[in-house]
C-alpha atoms as a PDB file:
ATOM      1  CA  MET A   1      -0.006   0.058   0.019  1.00  0.00           C
ATOM      2  CA  ASP A   2       2.924   2.251   0.544  1.00  0.00           C
ATOM      3  CA  SER A   3       3.991   2.129  -3.023  1.00  0.00           C
ATOM      4  CA  GLN A   4       0.469   3.060  -4.178  1.00  0.00           C
ATOM      5  CA  HIS A   5       0.642   6.116  -1.992  1.00  0.00           C
ATOM      6  CA  HIS A   6       4.033   7.117  -3.540  1.00  0.00           C
ATOM      7  CA  ASP A   7       2.589   6.525  -7.033  1.00  0.00           C
ATOM      8  CA  LYS A   8      -0.447   8.660  -6.313  1.00  0.00           C
ATOM      9  CA  THR A   9       1.774  11.408  -4.755  1.00  0.00           C
ATOM     10  CA  PHE A  10       4.101  11.420  -7.761  1.00  0.00           C
ATOM     11  CA  PHE A  11       1.142  11.441 -10.234  1.00  0.00           C
ATOM     12  CA  VAL A  12      -0.497  14.429  -8.476  1.00  0.00           C
ATOM     13  CA  THR A  13       2.774  16.250  -8.291  1.00  0.00           C
ATOM     14  CA  PHE A  14       3.539  15.539 -11.928  1.00  0.00           C
ATOM     15  CA  LEU A  15       0.102  16.853 -13.055  1.00  0.00           C
ATOM     16  CA  PHE A  16       0.579  19.942 -10.961  1.00  0.00           C
ATOM     17  CA  VAL A  17       4.004  20.748 -12.469  1.00  0.00           C
ATOM     18  CA  LEU A  18       2.685  19.897 -15.927  1.00  0.00           C
ATOM     19  CA  GLY A  19      -0.359  22.246 -15.386  1.00  0.00           C
ATOM     20  CA  PHE A  20       1.920  24.988 -14.090  1.00  0.00           C
ATOM     21  CA  ILE A  21       4.238  24.680 -17.127  1.00  0.00           C
ATOM     22  CA  GLY A  22       1.142  24.799 -19.441  1.00  0.00           C
ATOM     23  CA  ALA A  23      -0.293  27.804 -17.728  1.00  0.00           C
ATOM     24  CA  PHE A  24       3.068  29.598 -17.722  1.00  0.00           C
ATOM     25  CA  THR A  25       3.499  28.862 -21.474  1.00  0.00           C
ATOM     26  CA  LEU A  26      -0.027  30.288 -22.250  1.00  0.00           C
ATOM     27  CA  ALA A  27       0.874  33.333 -20.080  1.00  0.00           C
ATOM     28  CA  ILE A  28       4.130  33.918 -22.095  1.00  0.00           C
ATOM     29  CA  ILE A  29       2.246  33.600 -25.435  1.00  0.00           C
ATOM     30  CA  PHE A  30      -0.418  36.086 -24.316  1.00  0.00           C
ATOM     31  CA  ILE A  31       2.129  38.589 -23.116  1.00  0.00           C
ATOM     32  CA  ALA A  32       4.261  38.159 -26.343  1.00  0.00           C
ATOM     33  CA  ASN A  33       1.109  38.824 -28.552  1.00  0.00           C
ATOM     34  CA  THR A  34       0.204  41.811 -26.485  1.00  0.00           C
ATOM     35  CA  VAL A  35       3.651  43.420 -26.612  1.00  0.00           C
ATOM     36  CA  SER A  36       4.164  42.745 -30.331  1.00  0.00           C
ATOM     37  CA  ALA A  37       0.711  44.069 -31.403  1.00  0.00           C
ATOM     38  CA  LYS A  38       0.976  46.014 -34.707  1.00  0.00           C
ATOM     39  CA  THR A  39       1.681  49.632 -34.008  1.00  0.00           C
ATOM     40  CA  GLY A  40       2.366  50.921 -37.497  1.00  0.00           C
ATOM     41  CA  ASP A  41       2.358  50.329 -41.251  1.00  0.00           C
ATOM     42  CA  GLU A  42       3.927  47.098 -42.619  1.00  0.00           C
ATOM     43  CA  ALA A  43       6.133  49.158 -45.003  1.00  0.00           C
ATOM     44  CA  GLU A  44       7.486  51.182 -42.105  1.00  0.00           C
ATOM     45  CA  ALA A  45       8.308  48.001 -40.196  1.00  0.00           C
ATOM     46  CA  ARG A  46      10.045  46.420 -43.116  1.00  0.00           C
ATOM     47  CA  ALA A  47      12.103  49.640 -43.575  1.00  0.00           C
ATOM     48  CA  ARG A  48      13.126  49.610 -39.957  1.00  0.00           C
ATOM     49  CA  VAL A  49      14.176  45.965 -40.076  1.00  0.00           C
ATOM     50  CA  GLU A  50      16.128  46.463 -43.330  1.00  0.00           C
ATOM     51  CA  GLU A  51      17.903  49.497 -41.826  1.00  0.00           C
ATOM     52  CA  ARG A  52      18.822  47.286 -38.790  1.00  0.00           C
ATOM     53  CA  ILE A  53      20.174  44.379 -40.804  1.00  0.00           C
ATOM     54  CA  LYS A  54      21.978  46.211 -43.625  1.00  0.00           C
ATOM     55  CA  PRO A  55      25.728  45.295 -44.160  1.00  0.00           C
ATOM     56  CA  LEU A  56      28.262  47.463 -42.398  1.00  0.00           C
ATOM     57  CA  GLY A  57      30.647  47.462 -45.315  1.00  0.00           C
ATOM     58  CA  GLU A  58      31.472  46.176 -48.754  1.00  0.00           C
ATOM     59  CA  VAL A  59      34.335  44.130 -50.039  1.00  0.00           C
ATOM     60  CA  ILE A  60      36.335  45.997 -52.593  1.00  0.00           C
ATOM     61  CA  THR A  61      38.288  43.936 -55.048  1.00  0.00           C
ATOM     62  CA  ASP A  62      41.145  45.153 -57.218  1.00  0.00           C
ATOM     63  CA  GLU A  63      38.743  45.575 -60.088  1.00  0.00           C
ATOM     64  CA  LYS A  64      36.352  47.707 -58.063  1.00  0.00           C
ATOM     65  CA  MET A  65      39.268  49.762 -56.766  1.00  0.00           C
ATOM     66  CA  LEU A  66      40.455  50.478 -60.254  1.00  0.00           C
ATOM     67  CA  LEU A  67      36.873  51.420 -61.304  1.00  0.00           C
ATOM     68  CA  ALA A  68      36.632  53.683 -58.184  1.00  0.00           C
ATOM     69  CA  THR A  69      39.883  55.377 -58.931  1.00  0.00           C
ATOM     70  CA  ALA A  70      39.398  55.626 -62.711  1.00  0.00           C
ATOM     71  CA  PRO A  71      40.929  58.616 -64.432  1.00  0.00           C
ATOM     72  CA  PRO A  72      38.817  61.709 -64.530  1.00  0.00           C
ATOM     73  CA  ALA A  73      36.623  62.275 -67.575  1.00  0.00           C
ATOM     74  CA  THR A  74      38.460  65.345 -68.588  1.00  0.00           C
ATOM     75  CA  ALA A  75      41.649  64.820 -70.629  1.00  0.00           C
ATOM     76  CA  ARG A  76      44.887  66.087 -69.320  1.00  0.00           C
ATOM     77  CA  ALA A  77      48.211  66.792 -70.960  1.00  0.00           C
ATOM     78  CA  PRO A  78      50.587  63.876 -70.809  1.00  0.00           C
ATOM     79  CA  MET A  79      53.263  64.045 -68.229  1.00  0.00           C
ATOM     80  CA  THR A  80      57.005  63.566 -68.795  1.00  0.00           C
ATOM     81  CA  GLY A  81      58.861  60.740 -67.146  1.00  0.00           C
ATOM     82  CA  ALA A  82      60.573  63.183 -64.794  1.00  0.00           C
ATOM     83  CA  GLU A  83      57.248  64.576 -63.701  1.00  0.00           C
ATOM     84  CA  ILE A  84      55.793  61.037 -63.036  1.00  0.00           C
ATOM     85  CA  VAL A  85      58.875  60.027 -61.073  1.00  0.00           C
ATOM     86  CA  THR A  86      58.690  63.110 -58.937  1.00  0.00           C
ATOM     87  CA  LYS A  87      54.876  62.847 -58.399  1.00  0.00           C
ATOM     88  CA  VAL A  88      54.435  59.038 -58.149  1.00  0.00           C
ATOM     89  CA  CYS A  89      57.636  56.994 -58.121  1.00  0.00           C
ATOM     90  CA  GLY A  90      60.025  58.972 -56.074  1.00  0.00           C
ATOM     91  CA  ALA A  91      58.513  58.188 -52.775  1.00  0.00           C
ATOM     92  CA  CYS A  92      59.638  54.583 -52.936  1.00  0.00           C
ATOM     93  CA  HIS A  93      62.338  54.511 -55.619  1.00  0.00           C
ATOM     94  CA  GLY A  94      64.049  57.654 -54.225  1.00  0.00           C
ATOM     95  CA  THR A  95      64.817  55.951 -50.952  1.00  0.00           C
ATOM     96  CA  GLY A  96      64.585  52.179 -51.889  1.00  0.00           C
ATOM     97  CA  VAL A  97      61.676  51.515 -49.625  1.00  0.00           C
ATOM     98  CA  LEU A  98      60.519  47.784 -49.377  1.00  0.00           C
ATOM     99  CA  GLY A  99      63.340  46.751 -51.735  1.00  0.00           C
ATOM    100  CA  ALA A 100      62.470  49.171 -54.589  1.00  0.00           C
ATOM    101  CA  PRO A 101      65.504  49.694 -56.842  1.00  0.00           C
ATOM    102  CA  LYS A 102      66.687  53.337 -56.331  1.00  0.00           C
ATOM    103  CA  ILE A 103      66.468  55.864 -59.161  1.00  0.00           C
ATOM    104  CA  GLY A 104      69.619  55.639 -61.342  1.00  0.00           C
ATOM    105  CA  ASP A 105      71.181  52.651 -59.401  1.00  0.00           C
ATOM    106  CA  LYS A 106      72.404  50.630 -62.469  1.00  0.00           C
ATOM    107  CA  ALA A 107      73.382  47.674 -60.289  1.00  0.00           C
ATOM    108  CA  ALA A 108      69.882  47.287 -58.763  1.00  0.00           C
ATOM    109  CA  TRP A 109      68.153  47.693 -62.047  1.00  0.00           C
ATOM    110  CA  ALA A 110      70.429  45.320 -64.037  1.00  0.00           C
ATOM    111  CA  PRO A 111      68.755  42.075 -63.025  1.00  0.00           C
ATOM    112  CA  ARG A 112      65.285  43.462 -63.796  1.00  0.00           C
ATOM    113  CA  LEU A 113      66.445  44.819 -67.201  1.00  0.00           C
ATOM    114  CA  ALA A 114      67.836  41.377 -68.067  1.00  0.00           C
ATOM    115  CA  ALA A 115      64.306  40.411 -69.148  1.00  0.00           C
ATOM    116  CA  GLY A 116      64.070  43.627 -71.248  1.00  0.00           C
ATOM    117  CA  LEU A 117      62.623  47.028 -70.908  1.00  0.00           C
ATOM    118  CA  ASN A 118      59.209  45.869 -72.002  1.00  0.00           C
ATOM    119  CA  ALA A 119      59.101  43.366 -69.027  1.00  0.00           C
ATOM    120  CA  VAL A 120      59.919  46.102 -66.587  1.00  0.00           C
ATOM    121  CA  VAL A 121      57.242  48.384 -68.023  1.00  0.00           C
ATOM    122  CA  ALA A 122      54.780  45.489 -67.911  1.00  0.00           C
ATOM    123  CA  ASN A 123      55.548  44.959 -64.183  1.00  0.00           C
ATOM    124  CA  ALA A 124      55.091  48.715 -63.635  1.00  0.00           C
ATOM    125  CA  ILE A 125      51.753  48.589 -65.290  1.00  0.00           C
ATOM    126  CA  LYS A 126      50.447  45.446 -63.517  1.00  0.00           C
ATOM    127  CA  GLY A 127      52.275  46.118 -60.188  1.00  0.00           C
ATOM    128  CA  LYS A 128      54.797  43.886 -58.620  1.00  0.00           C
ATOM    129  CA  ASN A 129      55.364  42.920 -54.879  1.00  0.00           C
ATOM    130  CA  GLN A 130      54.273  45.901 -52.830  1.00  0.00           C
ATOM    131  CA  MET A 131      54.171  48.310 -55.782  1.00  0.00           C
ATOM    132  CA  PRO A 132      50.490  48.919 -56.835  1.00  0.00           C
ATOM    133  CA  PRO A 133      49.528  48.822 -60.484  1.00  0.00           C
ATOM    134  CA  ARG A 134      50.658  51.937 -62.355  1.00  0.00           C
ATOM    135  CA  GLY A 135      52.521  52.950 -59.165  1.00  0.00           C
ATOM    136  CA  GLY A 136      49.084  53.809 -57.550  1.00  0.00           C
ATOM    137  CA  ASP A 137      48.076  56.352 -60.205  1.00  0.00           C
ATOM    138  CA  PRO A 138      45.535  54.625 -62.560  1.00  0.00           C
ATOM    139  CA  SER A 139      45.361  57.743 -64.666  1.00  0.00           C
ATOM    140  CA  LEU A 140      48.835  57.136 -66.088  1.00  0.00           C
ATOM    141  CA  SER A 141      48.942  55.811 -69.696  1.00  0.00           C
ATOM    142  CA  ASP A 142      51.181  52.985 -70.787  1.00  0.00           C
ATOM    143  CA  ALA A 143      53.354  55.490 -72.626  1.00  0.00           C
ATOM    144  CA  GLU A 144      53.725  57.561 -69.456  1.00  0.00           C
ATOM    145  CA  ILE A 145      54.672  54.490 -67.478  1.00  0.00           C
ATOM    146  CA  LYS A 146      57.276  53.592 -70.052  1.00  0.00           C
ATOM    147  CA  ALA A 147      58.698  57.235 -69.811  1.00  0.00           C
ATOM    148  CA  ALA A 148      58.770  56.934 -66.056  1.00  0.00           C
ATOM    149  CA  VAL A 149      60.619  53.595 -66.104  1.00  0.00           C
ATOM    150  CA  GLN A 150      63.140  55.063 -68.587  1.00  0.00           C
ATOM    151  CA  GLN A 151      63.625  57.931 -66.199  1.00  0.00           C
ATOM    152  CA  LEU A 152      64.103  55.697 -63.232  1.00  0.00           C
ATOM    153  CA  ILE A 153      66.908  53.625 -64.910  1.00  0.00           C
ATOM    154  CA  LYS A 154      68.977  56.513 -66.260  1.00  0.00           C
END
């Protein structure tokens, strides 16, 4: 008889806990529906959600960077090799920063020129190691790059 009493006590306690959990769940559902009642237009709500979840930034690839820094629509007069070296190339090639061959250093330029002047110009156009394409100035033409390279190796 003692085991029946334990079974009955367990069953009553179990039903009480189950009833409490059910009532608690219904109360939470009621509160959630009350709090989230529609307070505005669907379009406004969608706009607020889209504003909250919009991306923080954008990945910019090399192609996008070149398009973003495309030369201005207005034409300019071509620059001389000396002007380009002073404006663009001198910062690194003047001091030899990051292994850049110095201006006029025949010994440093000799291994690069072994492949030919056109190979050096192609590297300057495409960029090499830490040097960006066109030395970082996308408005320079191929002819201007060639003139700058010739000025650098003098």
